[in-house]
Amino acid sequence: MSDQSIDIPMQAETRSAKKPTTEFQIYFGIIFLATLPLATLTWALSVIRSGSLSQRGPIARAWSQARIITPMIFSA
C-alpha cells in the first residue's frame, strides 16, 4: 500500500478581512489622539513654509500615523 498523504492538495491561504476588535479600536483611538497634536504642529509648520493649504490636514496625518502604529503593536 502506498502513502498518498503527500498528494493532498494544499488549500490556498487567504487572509480574509475581519472586523477590528474592540481592543484594536481602543488602541487606535488612543494613538490617534496622541499623534494629533504633533500632526497639527507639523501641518502648521508646513503651511507656514509653503504658504499653501494644499497639504494633507492634521487629522489625515494623525489618522495615517495611527493606521501605521496600531498594527505594529498587535503584530508583536
Protein backbone atom coordinates (compact mmCIF):
# COMPACT_ATOMS: atom_id res chain seq x y z
CA MET A 1 0.00 0.00 0.00
CA SER A 2 1.40 3.37 -0.97
CA ASP A 3 1.45 6.52 1.14
CA GLN A 4 -0.73 9.09 -0.59
CA SER A 5 -0.71 11.70 2.17
CA ILE A 6 1.81 13.79 0.25
CA ASP A 7 -0.57 14.12 -2.70
CA ILE A 8 -3.15 16.07 -0.70
CA PRO A 9 -3.73 19.39 -2.45
CA MET A 10 -2.79 22.37 -0.31
CA GLN A 11 -5.51 24.90 0.22
CA ALA A 12 -4.55 28.44 -0.62
CA GLU A 13 -4.02 30.52 2.47
CA THR A 14 -6.10 33.63 2.12
CA ARG A 15 -6.29 36.48 4.53
CA SER A 16 -9.86 37.46 4.99
CA ALA A 17 -10.70 40.95 6.09
CA LYS A 18 -12.01 40.66 9.59
CA LYS A 19 -13.67 43.29 11.69
CA PRO A 20 -11.24 45.09 14.02
CA THR A 21 -11.59 44.06 17.62
CA THR A 22 -12.69 46.41 20.35
CA GLU A 23 -9.18 46.34 21.82
CA PHE A 24 -7.71 47.36 18.45
CA GLN A 25 -10.19 50.24 18.16
CA ILE A 26 -9.37 51.47 21.67
CA TYR A 27 -5.63 51.43 20.97
CA PHE A 28 -6.23 53.12 17.62
CA GLY A 29 -8.22 55.90 19.31
CA ILE A 30 -5.57 56.46 21.97
CA ILE A 31 -2.76 56.57 19.40
CA PHE A 32 -4.80 58.85 17.13
CA LEU A 33 -5.38 61.31 19.98
CA ALA A 34 -1.72 61.13 20.99
CA THR A 35 -0.46 61.86 17.46
CA LEU A 36 -2.96 64.65 16.75
CA PRO A 37 -1.04 67.49 18.49
CA LEU A 38 2.23 66.68 16.73
CA ALA A 39 0.45 66.23 13.40
CA THR A 40 -1.19 69.62 13.87
CA LEU A 41 2.17 71.23 14.63
CA THR A 42 3.91 69.69 11.61
CA TRP A 43 0.97 70.62 9.38
CA ALA A 44 1.04 74.24 10.60
CA LEU A 45 4.79 74.47 10.03
CA SER A 46 4.46 73.08 6.51
CA VAL A 47 1.66 75.58 5.75
CA ILE A 48 3.82 78.44 7.04
CA ARG A 49 6.81 77.30 4.97
CA SER A 50 4.92 76.66 1.74
CA GLY A 51 2.24 79.32 2.12
CA SER A 52 -0.31 76.87 0.71
CA LEU A 53 -3.10 74.83 2.24
CA SER A 54 -2.73 72.07 -0.36
CA GLN A 55 -1.02 69.81 2.21
CA ARG A 56 -2.90 66.98 3.93
CA GLY A 57 -4.66 68.23 7.04
CA PRO A 58 -3.68 67.39 10.61
CA ILE A 59 -6.49 64.86 11.06
CA ALA A 60 -5.44 62.95 7.93
CA ARG A 61 -1.84 62.95 9.12
CA ALA A 62 -2.75 61.69 12.60
CA TRP A 63 -5.09 59.06 11.13
CA SER A 64 -2.31 57.84 8.84
CA GLN A 65 0.18 57.60 11.70
CA ALA A 66 -2.32 55.71 13.87
CA ARG A 67 -3.01 53.28 10.99
CA ILE A 68 0.74 52.55 10.82
CA ILE A 69 1.49 52.33 14.55
CA THR A 70 -1.50 50.34 15.85
CA PRO A 71 -0.94 47.17 13.77
CA MET A 72 2.70 47.20 14.86
CA ILE A 73 1.55 46.80 18.46
CA PHE A 74 -0.69 43.86 17.62
CA SER A 75 1.85 42.09 15.41
CA ALA A 76 4.39 41.76 18.22
